[in-house]
Amino acid sequence: MRRQAKKQSTTPDSEPSSRDKLSNSFVEALEKDWAEHGSAVIEAIRRDNPVKYGELIARLVPMDAILPPAGPYAQAKTVRDIGRVLLREVGLDEWFVTDDLADKAVAANERFIAELEAIKAQAEH
């Protein structure tokens, strides 16, 4: 009994397969949704979960692109590391810094930045 070769999803002379059409449709819908709601989603993540927001930035942007080349932040590899540096800068001994405290420091810093942005917005209007 001869086995037939599997049909390729596309060939130069054929229509795209149903799977390819579905994939293309999905990507187009995702692109449209992102264009319409992407900035609102980012804002909601920043507001509702600043630690997750920071982690997202850390994954997408190389740390050396957003941190000065030297100083206490130069060795930070995660957002939590930044929280640890923030706590050390206010005098908390490294011995006492837990992951929970580092996360709280990051959240506090995000609130501080948001407050500064609000002050800036008031000044510009």
PDB file of N, CA and C in Angstrom:
ATOM      1  N   MET A   1       0.838  -1.173   0.000  1.00  0.00           N
ATOM      2  CA  MET A   1       0.000   0.000   0.000  1.00  0.00           C
ATOM      3  C   MET A   1       0.889   1.245   0.000  1.00  0.00           C
ATOM      4  N   ARG A   2       0.684   2.139  -0.924  1.00  0.00           N
ATOM      5  CA  ARG A   2       1.472   3.365  -1.026  1.00  0.00           C
ATOM      6  C   ARG A   2       0.901   4.444  -0.126  1.00  0.00           C
ATOM      7  N   ARG A   3       1.799   5.128   0.544  1.00  0.00           N
ATOM      8  CA  ARG A   3       1.387   6.261   1.370  1.00  0.00           C
ATOM      9  C   ARG A   3       1.500   7.527   0.545  1.00  0.00           C
ATOM     10  N   GLN A   4       0.512   8.370   0.675  1.00  0.00           N
ATOM     11  CA  GLN A   4       0.578   9.644   0.001  1.00  0.00           C
ATOM     12  C   GLN A   4       1.400  10.622   0.833  1.00  0.00           C
ATOM     13  N   ALA A   5       2.134  11.450   0.157  1.00  0.00           N
ATOM     14  CA  ALA A   5       2.883  12.492   0.856  1.00  0.00           C
ATOM     15  C   ALA A   5       1.898  13.503   1.416  1.00  0.00           C
ATOM     16  N   LYS A   6       2.241  14.050   2.588  1.00  0.00           N
ATOM     17  CA  LYS A   6       1.405  15.086   3.186  1.00  0.00           C
ATOM     18  C   LYS A   6       1.398  16.310   2.302  1.00  0.00           C
ATOM     19  N   LYS A   7       0.241  16.918   2.182  1.00  0.00           N
ATOM     20  CA  LYS A   7       0.119  18.149   1.412  1.00  0.00           C
ATOM     21  C   LYS A   7       0.766  19.294   2.185  1.00  0.00           C
ATOM     22  N   GLN A   8       1.611  20.043   1.519  1.00  0.00           N
ATOM     23  CA  GLN A   8       2.226  21.202   2.151  1.00  0.00           C
ATOM     24  C   GLN A   8       1.160  22.267   2.354  1.00  0.00           C
ATOM     25  N   SER A   9       1.390  23.116   3.361  1.00  0.00           N
ATOM     26  CA  SER A   9       0.380  24.128   3.657  1.00  0.00           C
ATOM     27  C   SER A   9       0.217  25.112   2.501  1.00  0.00           C
ATOM     28  N   THR A  10       1.292  25.426   1.818  1.00  0.00           N
ATOM     29  CA  THR A  10       1.188  26.282   0.635  1.00  0.00           C
ATOM     30  C   THR A  10       2.234  25.842  -0.366  1.00  0.00           C
ATOM     31  N   THR A  11       1.910  26.022  -1.596  1.00  0.00           N
ATOM     32  CA  THR A  11       2.867  25.827  -2.680  1.00  0.00           C
ATOM     33  C   THR A  11       2.735  27.050  -3.567  1.00  0.00           C
ATOM     34  N   PRO A  12       3.694  27.279  -4.418  1.00  0.00           N
ATOM     35  CA  PRO A  12       3.620  28.480  -5.253  1.00  0.00           C
ATOM     36  C   PRO A  12       2.339  28.563  -6.087  1.00  0.00           C
ATOM     37  N   ASP A  13       1.779  27.414  -6.478  1.00  0.00           N
ATOM     38  CA  ASP A  13       0.616  27.412  -7.357  1.00  0.00           C
ATOM     39  C   ASP A  13      -0.700  27.230  -6.621  1.00  0.00           C
ATOM     40  N   SER A  14      -0.689  27.095  -5.294  1.00  0.00           N
ATOM     41  CA  SER A  14      -1.932  26.772  -4.588  1.00  0.00           C
ATOM     42  C   SER A  14      -2.353  27.904  -3.656  1.00  0.00           C
ATOM     43  N   GLU A  15      -3.586  27.791  -3.202  1.00  0.00           N
ATOM     44  CA  GLU A  15      -4.143  28.704  -2.209  1.00  0.00           C
ATOM     45  C   GLU A  15      -3.543  28.370  -0.843  1.00  0.00           C
ATOM     46  N   PRO A  16      -3.507  29.333   0.081  1.00  0.00           N
ATOM     47  CA  PRO A  16      -3.070  29.013   1.445  1.00  0.00           C
ATOM     48  C   PRO A  16      -4.027  27.988   2.067  1.00  0.00           C
ATOM     49  N   SER A  17      -3.490  27.160   2.939  1.00  0.00           N
ATOM     50  CA  SER A  17      -4.310  26.167   3.619  1.00  0.00           C
ATOM     51  C   SER A  17      -5.263  26.854   4.597  1.00  0.00           C
ATOM     52  N   SER A  18      -6.244  26.126   5.075  1.00  0.00           N
ATOM     53  CA  SER A  18      -7.176  26.659   6.074  1.00  0.00           C
ATOM     54  C   SER A  18      -6.413  27.087   7.320  1.00  0.00           C
ATOM     55  N   ARG A  19      -5.427  26.291   7.709  1.00  0.00           N
ATOM     56  CA  ARG A  19      -4.629  26.629   8.890  1.00  0.00           C
ATOM     57  C   ARG A  19      -3.901  27.956   8.694  1.00  0.00           C
ATOM     58  N   ASP A  20      -3.296  28.133   7.509  1.00  0.00           N
ATOM     59  CA  ASP A  20      -2.588  29.385   7.236  1.00  0.00           C
ATOM     60  C   ASP A  20      -3.548  30.565   7.219  1.00  0.00           C
ATOM     61  N   LYS A  21      -4.728  30.364   6.638  1.00  0.00           N
ATOM     62  CA  LYS A  21      -5.727  31.437   6.612  1.00  0.00           C
ATOM     63  C   LYS A  21      -6.140  31.802   8.032  1.00  0.00           C
ATOM     64  N   LEU A  22      -6.370  30.776   8.864  1.00  0.00           N
ATOM     65  CA  LEU A  22      -6.767  31.018  10.245  1.00  0.00           C
ATOM     66  C   LEU A  22      -5.657  31.744  11.004  1.00  0.00           C
ATOM     67  N   SER A  23      -4.431  31.300  10.818  1.00  0.00           N
ATOM     68  CA  SER A  23      -3.299  31.954  11.480  1.00  0.00           C
ATOM     69  C   SER A  23      -3.191  33.408  11.051  1.00  0.00           C
ATOM     70  N   ASN A  24      -3.303  33.651   9.768  1.00  0.00           N
ATOM     71  CA  ASN A  24      -3.228  35.025   9.271  1.00  0.00           C
ATOM     72  C   ASN A  24      -4.363  35.871   9.823  1.00  0.00           C
ATOM     73  N   SER A  25      -5.569  35.291   9.865  1.00  0.00           N
ATOM     74  CA  SER A  25      -6.718  36.025  10.411  1.00  0.00           C
ATOM     75  C   SER A  25      -6.503  36.357  11.874  1.00  0.00           C
ATOM     76  N   PHE A  26      -5.964  35.388  12.627  1.00  0.00           N
ATOM     77  CA  PHE A  26      -5.712  35.613  14.047  1.00  0.00           C
ATOM     78  C   PHE A  26      -4.702  36.730  14.246  1.00  0.00           C
ATOM     79  N   VAL A  27      -3.618  36.687  13.507  1.00  0.00           N
ATOM     80  CA  VAL A  27      -2.580  37.710  13.643  1.00  0.00           C
ATOM     81  C   VAL A  27      -3.133  39.081  13.254  1.00  0.00           C
ATOM     82  N   GLU A  28      -3.930  39.134  12.213  1.00  0.00           N
ATOM     83  CA  GLU A  28      -4.529  40.406  11.820  1.00  0.00           C
ATOM     84  C   GLU A  28      -5.467  40.938  12.904  1.00  0.00           C
ATOM     85  N   ALA A  29      -6.285  40.044  13.490  1.00  0.00           N
ATOM     86  CA  ALA A  29      -7.199  40.455  14.558  1.00  0.00           C
ATOM     87  C   ALA A  29      -6.425  40.919  15.793  1.00  0.00           C
ATOM     88  N   LEU A  30      -5.360  40.198  16.127  1.00  0.00           N
ATOM     89  CA  LEU A  30      -4.532  40.574  17.266  1.00  0.00           C
ATOM     90  C   LEU A  30      -3.882  41.934  17.023  1.00  0.00           C
ATOM     91  N   GLU A  31      -3.385  42.137  15.823  1.00  0.00           N
ATOM     92  CA  GLU A  31      -2.763  43.417  15.485  1.00  0.00           C
ATOM     93  C   GLU A  31      -3.775  44.565  15.598  1.00  0.00           C
ATOM     94  N   LYS A  32      -4.987  44.338  15.099  1.00  0.00           N
ATOM     95  CA  LYS A  32      -6.036  45.363  15.185  1.00  0.00           C
ATOM     96  C   LYS A  32      -6.402  45.636  16.643  1.00  0.00           C
ATOM     97  N   ASP A  33      -6.561  44.570  17.436  1.00  0.00           N
ATOM     98  CA  ASP A  33      -6.908  44.722  18.846  1.00  0.00           C
ATOM     99  C   ASP A  33      -5.805  45.465  19.584  1.00  0.00           C
ATOM    100  N   TRP A  34      -4.555  45.122  19.299  1.00  0.00           N
ATOM    101  CA  TRP A  34      -3.428  45.792  19.949  1.00  0.00           C
ATOM    102  C   TRP A  34      -3.407  47.269  19.597  1.00  0.00           C
ATOM    103  N   ALA A  35      -3.637  47.582  18.310  1.00  0.00           N
ATOM    104  CA  ALA A  35      -3.638  48.980  17.890  1.00  0.00           C
ATOM    105  C   ALA A  35      -4.733  49.758  18.612  1.00  0.00           C
ATOM    106  N   GLU A  36      -5.864  49.092  18.853  1.00  0.00           N
ATOM    107  CA  GLU A  36      -6.996  49.761  19.486  1.00  0.00           C
ATOM    108  C   GLU A  36      -6.872  49.830  21.006  1.00  0.00           C
ATOM    109  N   HIS A  37      -6.361  48.767  21.643  1.00  0.00           N
ATOM    110  CA  HIS A  37      -6.396  48.678  23.100  1.00  0.00           C
ATOM    111  C   HIS A  37      -5.033  48.528  23.775  1.00  0.00           C
ATOM    112  N   GLY A  38      -3.975  48.410  22.995  1.00  0.00           N
ATOM    113  CA  GLY A  38      -2.669  48.115  23.567  1.00  0.00           C
ATOM    114  C   GLY A  38      -2.208  49.076  24.632  1.00  0.00           C
ATOM    115  N   SER A  39      -2.329  50.368  24.370  1.00  0.00           N
ATOM    116  CA  SER A  39      -1.853  51.343  25.361  1.00  0.00           C
ATOM    117  C   SER A  39      -2.703  51.301  26.633  1.00  0.00           C
ATOM    118  N   ALA A  40      -3.997  51.022  26.489  1.00  0.00           N
ATOM    119  CA  ALA A  40      -4.856  50.910  27.681  1.00  0.00           C
ATOM    120  C   ALA A  40      -4.480  49.687  28.509  1.00  0.00           C
ATOM    121  N   VAL A  41      -4.117  48.605  27.841  1.00  0.00           N
ATOM    122  CA  VAL A  41      -3.697  47.390  28.551  1.00  0.00           C
ATOM    123  C   VAL A  41      -2.405  47.650  29.313  1.00  0.00           C
ATOM    124  N   ILE A  42      -1.466  48.317  28.668  1.00  0.00           N
ATOM    125  CA  ILE A  42      -0.199  48.636  29.327  1.00  0.00           C
ATOM    126  C   ILE A  42      -0.458  49.528  30.534  1.00  0.00           C
ATOM    127  N   GLU A  43      -1.310  50.527  30.379  1.00  0.00           N
ATOM    128  CA  GLU A  43      -1.623  51.429  31.484  1.00  0.00           C
ATOM    129  C   GLU A  43      -2.275  50.666  32.637  1.00  0.00           C
ATOM    130  N   ALA A  44      -3.187  49.740  32.319  1.00  0.00           N
ATOM    131  CA  ALA A  44      -3.859  48.966  33.365  1.00  0.00           C
ATOM    132  C   ALA A  44      -2.864  48.091  34.118  1.00  0.00           C
ATOM    133  N   ILE A  45      -1.931  47.480  33.404  1.00  0.00           N
ATOM    134  CA  ILE A  45      -0.916  46.653  34.065  1.00  0.00           C
ATOM    135  C   ILE A  45      -0.048  47.524  34.968  1.00  0.00           C
ATOM    136  N   ARG A  46       0.362  48.686  34.464  1.00  0.00           N
ATOM    137  CA  ARG A  46       1.185  49.594  35.271  1.00  0.00           C
ATOM    138  C   ARG A  46       0.456  50.018  36.539  1.00  0.00           C
ATOM    139  N   ARG A  47      -0.823  50.341  36.403  1.00  0.00           N
ATOM    140  CA  ARG A  47      -1.612  50.826  37.540  1.00  0.00           C
ATOM    141  C   ARG A  47      -1.955  49.690  38.517  1.00  0.00           C
ATOM    142  N   ASP A  48      -2.400  48.551  37.991  1.00  0.00           N
ATOM    143  CA  ASP A  48      -2.900  47.472  38.839  1.00  0.00           C
ATOM    144  C   ASP A  48      -1.825  46.533  39.359  1.00  0.00           C
ATOM    145  N   ASN A  49      -0.731  46.420  38.624  1.00  0.00           N
ATOM    146  CA  ASN A  49       0.317  45.493  39.041  1.00  0.00           C
ATOM    147  C   ASN A  49       1.677  46.046  38.617  1.00  0.00           C
ATOM    148  N   PRO A  50       2.169  47.055  39.340  1.00  0.00           N
ATOM    149  CA  PRO A  50       3.417  47.701  38.923  1.00  0.00           C
ATOM    150  C   PRO A  50       4.617  46.759  38.907  1.00  0.00           C
ATOM    151  N   VAL A  51       4.607  45.748  39.757  1.00  0.00           N
ATOM    152  CA  VAL A  51       5.729  44.796  39.743  1.00  0.00           C
ATOM    153  C   VAL A  51       5.734  44.025  38.431  1.00  0.00           C
ATOM    154  N   LYS A  52       4.561  43.548  37.995  1.00  0.00           N
ATOM    155  CA  LYS A  52       4.457  42.831  36.723  1.00  0.00           C
ATOM    156  C   LYS A  52       4.834  43.761  35.568  1.00  0.00           C
ATOM    157  N   TYR A  53       4.432  45.023  35.663  1.00  0.00           N
ATOM    158  CA  TYR A  53       4.778  46.024  34.651  1.00  0.00           C
ATOM    159  C   TYR A  53       6.303  46.153  34.549  1.00  0.00           C
ATOM    160  N   GLY A  54       6.945  46.259  35.691  1.00  0.00           N
ATOM    161  CA  GLY A  54       8.402  46.357  35.700  1.00  0.00           C
ATOM    162  C   GLY A  54       9.063  45.111  35.133  1.00  0.00           C
ATOM    163  N   GLU A  55       8.514  43.958  35.470  1.00  0.00           N
ATOM    164  CA  GLU A  55       9.071  42.705  34.935  1.00  0.00           C
ATOM    165  C   GLU A  55       8.928  42.649  33.420  1.00  0.00           C
ATOM    166  N   LEU A  56       7.805  43.127  32.917  1.00  0.00           N
ATOM    167  CA  LEU A  56       7.587  43.170  31.476  1.00  0.00           C
ATOM    168  C   LEU A  56       8.639  44.057  30.815  1.00  0.00           C
ATOM    169  N   ILE A  57       8.873  45.212  31.394  1.00  0.00           N
ATOM    170  CA  ILE A  57       9.901  46.107  30.850  1.00  0.00           C
ATOM    171  C   ILE A  57      11.264  45.423  30.892  1.00  0.00           C
ATOM    172  N   ALA A  58      11.551  44.776  32.013  1.00  0.00           N
ATOM    173  CA  ALA A  58      12.857  44.126  32.164  1.00  0.00           C
ATOM    174  C   ALA A  58      13.061  43.038  31.120  1.00  0.00           C
ATOM    175  N   ARG A  59      11.982  42.355  30.743  1.00  0.00           N
ATOM    176  CA  ARG A  59      12.103  41.307  29.726  1.00  0.00           C
ATOM    177  C   ARG A  59      12.257  41.879  28.325  1.00  0.00           C
ATOM    178  N   LEU A  60      11.651  43.021  28.068  1.00  0.00           N
ATOM    179  CA  LEU A  60      11.632  43.557  26.716  1.00  0.00           C
ATOM    180  C   LEU A  60      12.766  44.530  26.421  1.00  0.00           C
ATOM    181  N   VAL A  61      13.227  45.237  27.423  1.00  0.00           N
ATOM    182  CA  VAL A  61      14.251  46.261  27.219  1.00  0.00           C
ATOM    183  C   VAL A  61      15.521  45.823  27.928  1.00  0.00           C
ATOM    184  N   PRO A  62      16.629  45.776  27.222  1.00  0.00           N
ATOM    185  CA  PRO A  62      17.881  45.415  27.894  1.00  0.00           C
ATOM    186  C   PRO A  62      18.163  46.386  29.034  1.00  0.00           C
ATOM    187  N   MET A  63      18.599  45.848  30.166  1.00  0.00           N
ATOM    188  CA  MET A  63      18.828  46.685  31.339  1.00  0.00           C
ATOM    189  C   MET A  63      19.841  47.789  31.071  1.00  0.00           C
ATOM    190  N   ASP A  64      20.850  47.531  30.252  1.00  0.00           N
ATOM    191  CA  ASP A  64      21.844  48.566  30.004  1.00  0.00           C
ATOM    192  C   ASP A  64      21.285  49.711  29.166  1.00  0.00           C
ATOM    193  N   ALA A  65      20.119  49.510  28.535  1.00  0.00           N
ATOM    194  CA  ALA A  65      19.513  50.586  27.759  1.00  0.00           C
ATOM    195  C   ALA A  65      18.776  51.577  28.642  1.00  0.00           C
ATOM    196  N   ILE A  66      18.394  51.163  29.873  1.00  0.00           N
ATOM    197  CA  ILE A  66      17.621  52.051  30.729  1.00  0.00           C
ATOM    198  C   ILE A  66      18.339  52.430  32.015  1.00  0.00           C
ATOM    199  N   LEU A  67      19.473  51.829  32.273  1.00  0.00           N
ATOM    200  CA  LEU A  67      20.209  52.119  33.495  1.00  0.00           C
ATOM    201  C   LEU A  67      21.509  52.830  33.175  1.00  0.00           C
ATOM    202  N   PRO A  68      21.948  53.673  34.075  1.00  0.00           N
ATOM    203  CA  PRO A  68      23.249  54.316  33.844  1.00  0.00           C
ATOM    204  C   PRO A  68      24.350  53.260  33.821  1.00  0.00           C
ATOM    205  N   PRO A  69      25.451  53.542  33.134  1.00  0.00           N
ATOM    206  CA  PRO A  69      26.500  52.539  32.984  1.00  0.00           C
ATOM    207  C   PRO A  69      27.184  52.161  34.296  1.00  0.00           C
ATOM    208  N   ALA A  70      27.138  53.011  35.293  1.00  0.00           N
ATOM    209  CA  ALA A  70      27.777  52.701  36.564  1.00  0.00           C
ATOM    210  C   ALA A  70      26.818  53.061  37.686  1.00  0.00           C
ATOM    211  N   GLY A  71      27.196  52.722  38.891  1.00  0.00           N
ATOM    212  CA  GLY A  71      26.352  53.042  40.028  1.00  0.00           C
ATOM    213  C   GLY A  71      25.645  51.800  40.551  1.00  0.00           C
ATOM    214  N   PRO A  72      24.832  51.987  41.569  1.00  0.00           N
ATOM    215  CA  PRO A  72      24.237  50.832  42.239  1.00  0.00           C
ATOM    216  C   PRO A  72      23.248  50.046  41.366  1.00  0.00           C
ATOM    217  N   TYR A  73      22.700  50.666  40.333  1.00  0.00           N
ATOM    218  CA  TYR A  73      21.730  49.974  39.484  1.00  0.00           C
ATOM    219  C   TYR A  73      22.381  49.168  38.368  1.00  0.00           C
ATOM    220  N   ALA A  74      23.674  49.367  38.138  1.00  0.00           N
ATOM    221  CA  ALA A  74      24.353  48.725  37.015  1.00  0.00           C
ATOM    222  C   ALA A  74      24.313  47.201  37.087  1.00  0.00           C
ATOM    223  N   GLN A  75      24.299  46.653  38.284  1.00  0.00           N
ATOM    224  CA  GLN A  75      24.308  45.200  38.427  1.00  0.00           C
ATOM    225  C   GLN A  75      22.903  44.594  38.514  1.00  0.00           C
ATOM    226  N   ALA A  76      21.872  45.424  38.543  1.00  0.00           N
ATOM    227  CA  ALA A  76      20.497  44.920  38.662  1.00  0.00           C
ATOM    228  C   ALA A  76      20.116  44.139  37.410  1.00  0.00           C
ATOM    229  N   LYS A  77      19.627  42.934  37.614  1.00  0.00           N
ATOM    230  CA  LYS A  77      19.211  42.087  36.498  1.00  0.00           C
ATOM    231  C   LYS A  77      17.695  41.950  36.434  1.00  0.00           C
ATOM    232  N   THR A  78      17.006  42.237  37.528  1.00  0.00           N
ATOM    233  CA  THR A  78      15.552  42.116  37.588  1.00  0.00           C
ATOM    234  C   THR A  78      14.971  43.358  38.240  1.00  0.00           C
ATOM    235  N   VAL A  79      13.673  43.493  38.120  1.00  0.00           N
ATOM    236  CA  VAL A  79      12.994  44.598  38.785  1.00  0.00           C
ATOM    237  C   VAL A  79      13.155  44.458  40.295  1.00  0.00           C
ATOM    238  N   ARG A  80      13.114  43.245  40.781  1.00  0.00           N
ATOM    239  CA  ARG A  80      13.288  43.012  42.224  1.00  0.00           C
ATOM    240  C   ARG A  80      14.671  43.489  42.677  1.00  0.00           C
ATOM    241  N   ASP A  81      15.686  43.286  41.840  1.00  0.00           N
ATOM    242  CA  ASP A  81      17.023  43.800  42.170  1.00  0.00           C
ATOM    243  C   ASP A  81      16.993  45.315  42.315  1.00  0.00           C
ATOM    244  N   ILE A  82      16.221  45.982  41.467  1.00  0.00           N
ATOM    245  CA  ILE A  82      16.087  47.432  41.571  1.00  0.00           C
ATOM    246  C   ILE A  82      15.446  47.792  42.907  1.00  0.00           C
ATOM    247  N   GLY A  83      14.429  47.026  43.304  1.00  0.00           N
ATOM    248  CA  GLY A  83      13.806  47.251  44.610  1.00  0.00           C
ATOM    249  C   GLY A  83      14.806  47.106  45.739  1.00  0.00           C
ATOM    250  N   ARG A  84      15.696  46.127  45.631  1.00  0.00           N
ATOM    251  CA  ARG A  84      16.734  45.929  46.650  1.00  0.00           C
ATOM    252  C   ARG A  84      17.663  47.144  46.723  1.00  0.00           C
ATOM    253  N   VAL A  85      18.033  47.674  45.558  1.00  0.00           N
ATOM    254  CA  VAL A  85      18.896  48.860  45.532  1.00  0.00           C
ATOM    255  C   VAL A  85      18.168  50.049  46.152  1.00  0.00           C
ATOM    256  N   LEU A  86      16.903  50.218  45.821  1.00  0.00           N
ATOM    257  CA  LEU A  86      16.134  51.324  46.401  1.00  0.00           C
ATOM    258  C   LEU A  86      16.142  51.258  47.922  1.00  0.00           C
ATOM    259  N   LEU A  87      15.964  50.066  48.466  1.00  0.00           N
ATOM    260  CA  LEU A  87      15.958  49.913  49.926  1.00  0.00           C
ATOM    261  C   LEU A  87      17.338  50.176  50.527  1.00  0.00           C
ATOM    262  N   ARG A  88      18.382  49.734  49.854  1.00  0.00           N
ATOM    263  CA  ARG A  88      19.743  50.020  50.341  1.00  0.00           C
ATOM    264  C   ARG A  88      20.009  51.522  50.323  1.00  0.00           C
ATOM    265  N   GLU A  89      19.474  52.220  49.298  1.00  0.00           N
ATOM    266  CA  GLU A  89      19.703  53.663  49.193  1.00  0.00           C
ATOM    267  C   GLU A  89      19.051  54.451  50.324  1.00  0.00           C
ATOM    268  N   VAL A  90      18.009  53.887  50.949  1.00  0.00           N
ATOM    269  CA  VAL A  90      17.405  54.573  52.094  1.00  0.00           C
ATOM    270  C   VAL A  90      17.954  54.043  53.409  1.00  0.00           C
ATOM    271  N   GLY A  91      18.994  53.205  53.331  1.00  0.00           N
ATOM    272  CA  GLY A  91      19.700  52.785  54.532  1.00  0.00           C
ATOM    273  C   GLY A  91      19.332  51.429  55.106  1.00  0.00           C
ATOM    274  N   LEU A  92      18.489  50.661  54.444  1.00  0.00           N
ATOM    275  CA  LEU A  92      18.153  49.332  54.961  1.00  0.00           C
ATOM    276  C   LEU A  92      19.289  48.372  54.636  1.00  0.00           C
ATOM    277  N   ASP A  93      19.798  47.710  55.660  1.00  0.00           N
ATOM    278  CA  ASP A  93      20.875  46.748  55.479  1.00  0.00           C
ATOM    279  C   ASP A  93      20.397  45.592  54.601  1.00  0.00           C
ATOM    280  N   GLU A  94      21.255  45.164  53.672  1.00  0.00           N
ATOM    281  CA  GLU A  94      20.933  44.070  52.742  1.00  0.00           C
ATOM    282  C   GLU A  94      20.424  42.833  53.477  1.00  0.00           C
ATOM    283  N   TRP A  95      20.904  42.608  54.659  1.00  0.00           N
ATOM    284  CA  TRP A  95      20.521  41.437  55.456  1.00  0.00           C
ATOM    285  C   TRP A  95      19.003  41.381  55.681  1.00  0.00           C
ATOM    286  N   PHE A  96      18.367  42.529  55.783  1.00  0.00           N
ATOM    287  CA  PHE A  96      16.942  42.603  56.095  1.00  0.00           C
ATOM    288  C   PHE A  96      16.045  42.641  54.852  1.00  0.00           C
ATOM    289  N   VAL A  97      16.636  42.757  53.673  1.00  0.00           N
ATOM    290  CA  VAL A  97      15.842  42.900  52.444  1.00  0.00           C
ATOM    291  C   VAL A  97      15.345  41.531  51.981  1.00  0.00           C
ATOM    292  N   THR A  98      14.030  41.369  52.008  1.00  0.00           N
ATOM    293  CA  THR A  98      13.399  40.139  51.508  1.00  0.00           C
ATOM    294  C   THR A  98      12.812  40.419  50.125  1.00  0.00           C
ATOM    295  N   ASP A  99      12.415  39.356  49.422  1.00  0.00           N
ATOM    296  CA  ASP A  99      11.767  39.544  48.127  1.00  0.00           C
ATOM    297  C   ASP A  99      10.503  40.382  48.274  1.00  0.00           C
ATOM    298  N   ASP A 100       9.738  40.126  49.332  1.00  0.00           N
ATOM    299  CA  ASP A 100       8.504  40.874  49.559  1.00  0.00           C
ATOM    300  C   ASP A 100       8.796  42.365  49.743  1.00  0.00           C
ATOM    301  N   LEU A 101       9.822  42.682  50.534  1.00  0.00           N
ATOM    302  CA  LEU A 101      10.177  44.096  50.738  1.00  0.00           C
ATOM    303  C   LEU A 101      10.675  44.736  49.438  1.00  0.00           C
ATOM    304  N   ALA A 102      11.437  43.984  48.656  1.00  0.00           N
ATOM    305  CA  ALA A 102      11.923  44.512  47.376  1.00  0.00           C
ATOM    306  C   ALA A 102      10.744  44.796  46.446  1.00  0.00           C
ATOM    307  N   ASP A 103       9.762  43.897  46.418  1.00  0.00           N
ATOM    308  CA  ASP A 103       8.569  44.112  45.593  1.00  0.00           C
ATOM    309  C   ASP A 103       7.800  45.346  46.067  1.00  0.00           C
ATOM    310  N   LYS A 104       7.697  45.517  47.383  1.00  0.00           N
ATOM    311  CA  LYS A 104       7.015  46.694  47.927  1.00  0.00           C
ATOM    312  C   LYS A 104       7.762  47.972  47.575  1.00  0.00           C
ATOM    313  N   ALA A 105       9.079  47.911  47.570  1.00  0.00           N
ATOM    314  CA  ALA A 105       9.878  49.082  47.204  1.00  0.00           C
ATOM    315  C   ALA A 105       9.639  49.458  45.743  1.00  0.00           C
ATOM    316  N   VAL A 106       9.558  48.459  44.871  1.00  0.00           N
ATOM    317  CA  VAL A 106       9.289  48.731  43.456  1.00  0.00           C
ATOM    318  C   VAL A 106       7.908  49.370  43.312  1.00  0.00           C
ATOM    319  N   ALA A 107       6.914  48.816  44.006  1.00  0.00           N
ATOM    320  CA  ALA A 107       5.558  49.365  43.938  1.00  0.00           C
ATOM    321  C   ALA A 107       5.530  50.807  44.457  1.00  0.00           C
ATOM    322  N   ALA A 108       6.235  51.066  45.548  1.00  0.00           N
ATOM    323  CA  ALA A 108       6.296  52.426  46.099  1.00  0.00           C
ATOM    324  C   ALA A 108       6.963  53.369  45.104  1.00  0.00           C
ATOM    325  N   ASN A 109       8.009  52.902  44.455  1.00  0.00           N
ATOM    326  CA  ASN A 109       8.698  53.725  43.463  1.00  0.00           C
ATOM    327  C   ASN A 109       7.775  54.026  42.280  1.00  0.00           C
ATOM    328  N   GLU A 110       6.995  53.054  41.860  1.00  0.00           N
ATOM    329  CA  GLU A 110       6.042  53.283  40.763  1.00  0.00           C
ATOM    330  C   GLU A 110       5.003  54.330  41.160  1.00  0.00           C
ATOM    331  N   ARG A 111       4.517  54.272  42.408  1.00  0.00           N
ATOM    332  CA  ARG A 111       3.558  55.278  42.876  1.00  0.00           C
ATOM    333  C   ARG A 111       4.215  56.662  42.906  1.00  0.00           C
ATOM    334  N   PHE A 112       5.464  56.707  43.341  1.00  0.00           N
ATOM    335  CA  PHE A 112       6.215  57.962  43.381  1.00  0.00           C
ATOM    336  C   PHE A 112       6.352  58.554  41.976  1.00  0.00           C
ATOM    337  N   ILE A 113       6.718  57.717  41.027  1.00  0.00           N
ATOM    338  CA  ILE A 113       6.867  58.172  39.638  1.00  0.00           C
ATOM    339  C   ILE A 113       5.518  58.669  39.100  1.00  0.00           C
ATOM    340  N   ALA A 114       4.446  57.944  39.401  1.00  0.00           N
ATOM    341  CA  ALA A 114       3.112  58.367  38.950  1.00  0.00           C
ATOM    342  C   ALA A 114       2.751  59.727  39.534  1.00  0.00           C
ATOM    343  N   GLU A 115       3.095  59.946  40.787  1.00  0.00           N
ATOM    344  CA  GLU A 115       2.824  61.231  41.430  1.00  0.00           C
ATOM    345  C   GLU A 115       3.632  62.351  40.767  1.00  0.00           C
ATOM    346  N   LEU A 116       4.888  62.069  40.471  1.00  0.00           N
ATOM    347  CA  LEU A 116       5.711  63.064  39.780  1.00  0.00           C
ATOM    348  C   LEU A 116       5.139  63.380  38.395  1.00  0.00           C
ATOM    349  N   GLU A 117       4.669  62.355  37.693  1.00  0.00           N
ATOM    350  CA  GLU A 117       4.065  62.559  36.374  1.00  0.00           C
ATOM    351  C   GLU A 117       2.802  63.408  36.484  1.00  0.00           C
ATOM    352  N   ALA A 118       2.027  63.210  37.555  1.00  0.00           N
ATOM    353  CA  ALA A 118       0.817  64.019  37.775  1.00  0.00           C
ATOM    354  C   ALA A 118       1.188  65.480  38.023  1.00  0.00           C
ATOM    355  N   ILE A 119       2.231  65.706  38.798  1.00  0.00           N
ATOM    356  CA  ILE A 119       2.705  67.080  39.053  1.00  0.00           C
ATOM    357  C   ILE A 119       3.151  67.721  37.748  1.00  0.00           C
ATOM    358  N   LYS A 120       3.873  66.976  36.956  1.00  0.00           N
ATOM    359  CA  LYS A 120       4.334  67.478  35.655  1.00  0.00           C
ATOM    360  C   LYS A 120       3.144  67.840  34.772  1.00  0.00           C
ATOM    361  N   ALA A 121       2.133  66.952  34.733  1.00  0.00           N
ATOM    362  CA  ALA A 121       0.950  67.205  33.899  1.00  0.00           C
ATOM    363  C   ALA A 121       0.222  68.468  34.351  1.00  0.00           C
ATOM    364  N   GLN A 122       0.143  68.699  35.684  1.00  0.00           N
ATOM    365  CA  GLN A 122      -0.480  69.917  36.190  1.00  0.00           C
ATOM    366  C   GLN A 122       0.292  71.150  35.759  1.00  0.00           C
ATOM    367  N   ALA A 123       1.588  71.052  35.805  1.00  0.00           N
ATOM    368  CA  ALA A 123       2.430  72.195  35.450  1.00  0.00           C
ATOM    369  C   ALA A 123       2.328  72.524  33.964  1.00  0.00           C
ATOM    370  N   GLU A 124       2.108  71.523  33.136  1.00  0.00           N
ATOM    371  CA  GLU A 124       2.042  71.723  31.690  1.00  0.00           C
ATOM    372  C   GLU A 124       0.683  72.244  31.231  1.00  0.00           C
ATOM    373  N   HIS A 125      -0.293  72.229  32.109  1.00  0.00           N
ATOM    374  CA  HIS A 125      -1.632  72.698  31.705  1.00  0.00           C
ATOM    375  C   HIS A 125      -1.928  74.010  32.276  1.00  0.00           C
TER     376      HIS A 125
END
